Structures are given as structure tokens and as C-alpha cells.
Amino acid sequence: MTVCIEEEVQPGFPFPYQELAEEVIRAALQAEGFPFEAEVGLLLVPSKGIQEINCAQRGIDSPTDVLSFPLVHYAVPGDFSGIGQESDNFNPDTGEVMLGDIVLCTDKVKEQAERFGHSQQREFAFLVLHSMLHLFGYDHMEEEEAAIMEKKQDSILGQMGILR
């Protein structure tokens, strides 16, 4: 597994966020039974940076907490059977499946942790995991989809001992 972490801002988190990101990504891969080695990009940005990306990519001119940019497309969320058929999904240098990129707003991690009454560590882990599920094809636009994502998030974070 390769996690490429880039920082446009010094996060200033009171926990080892790079290690936590890798742990969460690994836990998501294991929980979903991802059958390949994987590569994920994680970009840490301030509010202004994520607002610019959100505006350019989604036409929404406001900051958000996390954005996901999947590189694999699934017929069914979490169904990895089609990946081997598309050689474009594999990094030719490493042989890893390039799942996609996560853009995380460090300011929102801090704001939301305070608003929801839990630690910055929990909020960071939740947002990375939430984004990983998007990289696996899950969404939350419909109530049923949201319930599936919430159950998976609670289960994986619970297994990791990361609680509210």
C-alpha cells in the first residue's frame, strides 16, 4: 500500500496524522476485502484551498470538509471484480491499483471536531474513511446509500477503537 501525502498547509494536529491516515486507509482496504495492493493520494489543504477545488470541480463556491476523486469506476459499490479487466487502473511502476485522491481541509477537521464534541483525531479518521468509501464507489445521495456508508464507517472506526 502506498499513501502519498502532500501538505499545502502545516496541519498542526495534536496526533500523528500521517500514521493515522495510513491506518485508516489500511483498515478500509481490509474491511472491504480489497484484493489488490493500493495507492491513494491525500492532500491536506486550508479552507481557501478546498473552496477553490470545490468551486472548480463541483461548481460550489464554498469550503467543504473533504473531497474524493476516485480513479476506479464500479458497476456496484465495493465490487472489485471489474478492476483486473482494466489495466489503466494499475500503476505500471508499482503494480498497485490507483484508487484516487482525497483532499482534506485541515481547518474543517478542527472546526467540526469542536462542533461535534469529539477529538480532532476522530474527525480526521472519520473524514479519511468517509472518502475511502467514496473511492470504493459508495455514495450518500439517497437515504439507503447513506445508511450503508454510515454503518460501514461506524463499524470500521469501532474496530479501530476510534469512538466519538
C-alpha atoms as a PDB file:
ATOM      1  CA  MET A   1       0.000   0.000   0.000  1.00  0.00           C
ATOM      2  CA  THR A   2       1.232   3.444  -0.892  1.00  0.00           C
ATOM      3  CA  VAL A   3      -0.225   6.618   0.599  1.00  0.00           C
ATOM      4  CA  CYS A   4       1.172   9.785  -0.966  1.00  0.00           C
ATOM      5  CA  ILE A   5       0.583  12.632   1.494  1.00  0.00           C
ATOM      6  CA  GLU A   6       1.068  16.220   0.386  1.00  0.00           C
ATOM      7  CA  GLU A   7       0.582  19.257   2.578  1.00  0.00           C
ATOM      8  CA  GLU A   8      -0.338  22.711   1.336  1.00  0.00           C
ATOM      9  CA  VAL A   9      -0.607  23.746   4.974  1.00  0.00           C
ATOM     10  CA  GLN A  10       1.003  22.641   8.223  1.00  0.00           C
ATOM     11  CA  PRO A  11      -1.929  20.853   9.889  1.00  0.00           C
ATOM     12  CA  GLY A  12      -0.858  21.409  13.487  1.00  0.00           C
ATOM     13  CA  PHE A  13      -2.791  18.329  14.655  1.00  0.00           C
ATOM     14  CA  PRO A  14      -2.013  17.017  18.158  1.00  0.00           C
ATOM     15  CA  PHE A  15      -1.667  13.438  16.855  1.00  0.00           C
ATOM     16  CA  PRO A  16       0.482  11.625  14.272  1.00  0.00           C
ATOM     17  CA  TYR A  17      -1.864  12.269  11.346  1.00  0.00           C
ATOM     18  CA  GLN A  18       0.288  10.615   8.678  1.00  0.00           C
ATOM     19  CA  GLU A  19       0.328   7.343  10.608  1.00  0.00           C
ATOM     20  CA  LEU A  20      -3.385   7.635  11.330  1.00  0.00           C
ATOM     21  CA  ALA A  21      -4.196   8.229   7.658  1.00  0.00           C
ATOM     22  CA  GLU A  22      -2.297   5.072   6.716  1.00  0.00           C
ATOM     23  CA  GLU A  23      -4.012   3.071   9.479  1.00  0.00           C
ATOM     24  CA  VAL A  24      -7.469   4.208   8.374  1.00  0.00           C
ATOM     25  CA  ILE A  25      -6.765   3.516   4.707  1.00  0.00           C
ATOM     26  CA  ARG A  26      -5.400   0.065   5.559  1.00  0.00           C
ATOM     27  CA  ALA A  27      -8.443  -0.674   7.751  1.00  0.00           C
ATOM     28  CA  ALA A  28     -10.804   0.381   4.951  1.00  0.00           C
ATOM     29  CA  LEU A  29      -8.991  -1.824   2.430  1.00  0.00           C
ATOM     30  CA  GLN A  30      -9.163  -4.793   4.803  1.00  0.00           C
ATOM     31  CA  ALA A  31     -12.791  -4.239   5.811  1.00  0.00           C
ATOM     32  CA  GLU A  32     -13.871  -4.092   2.184  1.00  0.00           C
ATOM     33  CA  GLY A  33     -11.717  -7.064   1.207  1.00  0.00           C
ATOM     34  CA  PHE A  34      -9.842  -5.110  -1.441  1.00  0.00           C
ATOM     35  CA  PRO A  35      -7.936  -7.830  -3.321  1.00  0.00           C
ATOM     36  CA  PHE A  36      -5.003  -5.762  -4.629  1.00  0.00           C
ATOM     37  CA  GLU A  37      -2.245  -3.544  -3.342  1.00  0.00           C
ATOM     38  CA  ALA A  38      -3.486   0.036  -3.475  1.00  0.00           C
ATOM     39  CA  GLU A  39      -2.242   3.577  -3.979  1.00  0.00           C
ATOM     40  CA  VAL A  40      -4.086   6.579  -2.510  1.00  0.00           C
ATOM     41  CA  GLY A  41      -3.239  10.273  -2.629  1.00  0.00           C
ATOM     42  CA  LEU A  42      -4.020  12.521   0.346  1.00  0.00           C
ATOM     43  CA  LEU A  43      -3.748  16.292   0.033  1.00  0.00           C
ATOM     44  CA  LEU A  44      -4.103  18.472   3.148  1.00  0.00           C
ATOM     45  CA  VAL A  45      -5.308  21.988   2.424  1.00  0.00           C
ATOM     46  CA  PRO A  46      -6.693  25.045   4.256  1.00  0.00           C
ATOM     47  CA  SER A  47     -10.273  26.296   3.806  1.00  0.00           C
ATOM     48  CA  LYS A  48      -9.336  28.588   0.929  1.00  0.00           C
ATOM     49  CA  GLY A  49      -7.648  25.741  -0.940  1.00  0.00           C
ATOM     50  CA  ILE A  50     -10.558  23.331  -0.673  1.00  0.00           C
ATOM     51  CA  GLN A  51     -13.003  26.111  -1.575  1.00  0.00           C
ATOM     52  CA  GLU A  52     -11.104  26.718  -4.824  1.00  0.00           C
ATOM     53  CA  ILE A  53     -11.087  22.999  -5.662  1.00  0.00           C
ATOM     54  CA  ASN A  54     -14.751  22.631  -4.716  1.00  0.00           C
ATOM     55  CA  CYS A  55     -15.653  25.552  -6.980  1.00  0.00           C
ATOM     56  CA  ALA A  56     -13.565  24.322  -9.911  1.00  0.00           C
ATOM     57  CA  GLN A  57     -14.665  20.671  -9.688  1.00  0.00           C
ATOM     58  CA  ARG A  58     -18.231  20.878  -8.398  1.00  0.00           C
ATOM     59  CA  GLY A  59     -19.297  24.461  -9.063  1.00  0.00           C
ATOM     60  CA  ILE A  60     -19.837  25.044  -5.334  1.00  0.00           C
ATOM     61  CA  ASP A  61     -18.060  28.200  -4.178  1.00  0.00           C
ATOM     62  CA  SER A  62     -17.667  27.331  -0.504  1.00  0.00           C
ATOM     63  CA  PRO A  63     -15.280  25.283   1.595  1.00  0.00           C
ATOM     64  CA  THR A  64     -16.132  21.693   2.452  1.00  0.00           C
ATOM     65  CA  ASP A  65     -14.505  19.158   4.747  1.00  0.00           C
ATOM     66  CA  VAL A  66     -13.309  16.544   2.271  1.00  0.00           C
ATOM     67  CA  LEU A  67     -13.408  15.819  -1.451  1.00  0.00           C
ATOM     68  CA  SER A  68     -12.904  12.452  -3.111  1.00  0.00           C
ATOM     69  CA  PHE A  69     -11.630  11.879  -6.620  1.00  0.00           C
ATOM     70  CA  PRO A  70     -11.975   8.183  -7.484  1.00  0.00           C
ATOM     71  CA  LEU A  71      -9.958   6.790 -10.361  1.00  0.00           C
ATOM     72  CA  VAL A  72     -11.781   3.448 -10.418  1.00  0.00           C
ATOM     73  CA  HIS A  73     -15.395   3.203 -11.543  1.00  0.00           C
ATOM     74  CA  TYR A  74     -17.601   0.458 -10.149  1.00  0.00           C
ATOM     75  CA  ALA A  75     -20.772  -1.090 -11.538  1.00  0.00           C
ATOM     76  CA  VAL A  76     -21.683  -1.818  -7.915  1.00  0.00           C
ATOM     77  CA  PRO A  77     -20.063  -0.077  -4.924  1.00  0.00           C
ATOM     78  CA  GLY A  78     -17.432  -2.255  -3.300  1.00  0.00           C
ATOM     79  CA  ASP A  79     -17.459  -4.786  -6.158  1.00  0.00           C
ATOM     80  CA  PHE A  80     -13.827  -5.057  -7.189  1.00  0.00           C
ATOM     81  CA  SER A  81     -14.293  -7.842  -9.745  1.00  0.00           C
ATOM     82  CA  GLY A  82     -14.041  -5.480 -12.725  1.00  0.00           C
ATOM     83  CA  ILE A  83     -10.707  -3.970 -11.729  1.00  0.00           C
ATOM     84  CA  GLY A  84      -8.499  -6.686 -13.215  1.00  0.00           C
ATOM     85  CA  GLN A  85     -10.135  -6.166 -16.579  1.00  0.00           C
ATOM     86  CA  GLU A  86      -8.973  -2.556 -16.845  1.00  0.00           C
ATOM     87  CA  SER A  87      -5.185  -2.313 -16.941  1.00  0.00           C
ATOM     88  CA  ASP A  88      -5.427   1.500 -16.736  1.00  0.00           C
ATOM     89  CA  ASN A  89      -6.268   1.108 -13.036  1.00  0.00           C
ATOM     90  CA  PHE A  90      -2.784  -0.194 -12.214  1.00  0.00           C
ATOM     91  CA  ASN A  91       0.303   1.936 -11.687  1.00  0.00           C
ATOM     92  CA  PRO A  92       2.796   0.451 -14.185  1.00  0.00           C
ATOM     93  CA  ASP A  93       5.719   1.208 -11.857  1.00  0.00           C
ATOM     94  CA  THR A  94       4.338  -0.387  -8.679  1.00  0.00           C
ATOM     95  CA  GLY A  95       1.545  -2.706  -9.829  1.00  0.00           C
ATOM     96  CA  GLU A  96      -0.770  -1.071  -7.293  1.00  0.00           C
ATOM     97  CA  VAL A  97      -4.343  -0.094  -8.106  1.00  0.00           C
ATOM     98  CA  MET A  98      -4.600   3.692  -8.187  1.00  0.00           C
ATOM     99  CA  LEU A  99      -7.800   4.212  -6.188  1.00  0.00           C
ATOM    100  CA  GLY A 100      -7.811   8.001  -6.356  1.00  0.00           C
ATOM    101  CA  ASP A 101      -7.223  11.116  -4.326  1.00  0.00           C
ATOM    102  CA  ILE A 102      -8.574  12.566  -1.094  1.00  0.00           C
ATOM    103  CA  VAL A 103      -8.448  16.315  -0.458  1.00  0.00           C
ATOM    104  CA  LEU A 104      -8.951  17.078   3.220  1.00  0.00           C
ATOM    105  CA  CYS A 105      -9.455  20.504   4.781  1.00  0.00           C
ATOM    106  CA  THR A 106      -7.443  20.784   7.989  1.00  0.00           C
ATOM    107  CA  ASP A 107      -9.462  23.813   9.159  1.00  0.00           C
ATOM    108  CA  LYS A 108     -12.706  21.837   8.847  1.00  0.00           C
ATOM    109  CA  VAL A 109     -11.246  18.935  10.844  1.00  0.00           C
ATOM    110  CA  LYS A 110     -10.642  21.312  13.745  1.00  0.00           C
ATOM    111  CA  GLU A 111     -13.969  23.157  13.397  1.00  0.00           C
ATOM    112  CA  GLN A 112     -16.064  20.004  13.119  1.00  0.00           C
ATOM    113  CA  ALA A 113     -14.286  18.217  15.965  1.00  0.00           C
ATOM    114  CA  GLU A 114     -15.190  21.115  18.229  1.00  0.00           C
ATOM    115  CA  ARG A 115     -18.753  21.368  16.901  1.00  0.00           C
ATOM    116  CA  PHE A 116     -19.420  17.624  17.254  1.00  0.00           C
ATOM    117  CA  GLY A 117     -17.676  17.356  20.625  1.00  0.00           C
ATOM    118  CA  HIS A 118     -15.039  14.801  19.763  1.00  0.00           C
ATOM    119  CA  SER A 119     -11.313  14.820  19.117  1.00  0.00           C
ATOM    120  CA  GLN A 120      -9.563  16.127  16.026  1.00  0.00           C
ATOM    121  CA  GLN A 121      -8.112  12.630  15.685  1.00  0.00           C
ATOM    122  CA  ARG A 122     -11.596  11.114  15.455  1.00  0.00           C
ATOM    123  CA  GLU A 123     -12.750  13.723  12.928  1.00  0.00           C
ATOM    124  CA  PHE A 124      -9.643  13.256  10.782  1.00  0.00           C
ATOM    125  CA  ALA A 125     -10.044   9.454  10.814  1.00  0.00           C
ATOM    126  CA  PHE A 126     -13.748   9.743  10.004  1.00  0.00           C
ATOM    127  CA  LEU A 127     -13.147  12.034   7.014  1.00  0.00           C
ATOM    128  CA  VAL A 128     -10.362   9.871   5.591  1.00  0.00           C
ATOM    129  CA  LEU A 129     -12.541   6.772   5.984  1.00  0.00           C
ATOM    130  CA  HIS A 130     -15.585   8.529   4.503  1.00  0.00           C
ATOM    131  CA  SER A 131     -13.517   9.487   1.492  1.00  0.00           C
ATOM    132  CA  MET A 132     -12.098   5.961   1.143  1.00  0.00           C
ATOM    133  CA  LEU A 133     -15.634   4.620   0.896  1.00  0.00           C
ATOM    134  CA  HIS A 134     -16.233   7.085  -1.942  1.00  0.00           C
ATOM    135  CA  LEU A 135     -13.073   5.734  -3.607  1.00  0.00           C
ATOM    136  CA  PHE A 136     -14.725   2.288  -3.395  1.00  0.00           C
ATOM    137  CA  GLY A 137     -17.805   3.610  -5.208  1.00  0.00           C
ATOM    138  CA  TYR A 138     -20.124   4.249  -2.244  1.00  0.00           C
ATOM    139  CA  ASP A 139     -22.219   7.405  -2.072  1.00  0.00           C
ATOM    140  CA  HIS A 140     -24.768   9.003   0.235  1.00  0.00           C
ATOM    141  CA  MET A 141     -27.086  10.877  -2.110  1.00  0.00           C
ATOM    142  CA  GLU A 142     -30.019   8.574  -1.318  1.00  0.00           C
ATOM    143  CA  GLU A 143     -31.149   7.655   2.194  1.00  0.00           C
ATOM    144  CA  GLU A 144     -30.430   3.940   1.641  1.00  0.00           C
ATOM    145  CA  GLU A 145     -26.921   4.690   0.330  1.00  0.00           C
ATOM    146  CA  ALA A 146     -26.234   6.972   3.298  1.00  0.00           C
ATOM    147  CA  ALA A 147     -27.307   4.253   5.736  1.00  0.00           C
ATOM    148  CA  ILE A 148     -24.876   1.786   4.142  1.00  0.00           C
ATOM    149  CA  MET A 149     -21.992   4.260   4.364  1.00  0.00           C
ATOM    150  CA  GLU A 150     -22.817   5.188   7.963  1.00  0.00           C
ATOM    151  CA  LYS A 151     -22.904   1.532   9.015  1.00  0.00           C
ATOM    152  CA  LYS A 152     -19.558   0.845   7.354  1.00  0.00           C
ATOM    153  CA  GLN A 153     -17.982   3.973   8.881  1.00  0.00           C
ATOM    154  CA  ASP A 154     -19.211   3.129  12.381  1.00  0.00           C
ATOM    155  CA  SER A 155     -18.064  -0.474  12.061  1.00  0.00           C
ATOM    156  CA  ILE A 156     -14.556   0.297  10.802  1.00  0.00           C
ATOM    157  CA  LEU A 157     -13.932   3.134  13.260  1.00  0.00           C
ATOM    158  CA  GLY A 158     -15.279   0.932  16.061  1.00  0.00           C
ATOM    159  CA  GLN A 159     -12.905  -1.876  15.106  1.00  0.00           C
ATOM    160  CA  MET A 160     -10.075   0.649  15.220  1.00  0.00           C
ATOM    161  CA  GLY A 161     -11.181   1.871  18.652  1.00  0.00           C
ATOM    162  CA  ILE A 162     -11.841   5.369  17.343  1.00  0.00           C
ATOM    163  CA  LEU A 163     -15.061   6.469  19.001  1.00  0.00           C
ATOM    164  CA  ARG A 164     -16.885   9.741  19.480  1.00  0.00           C
END
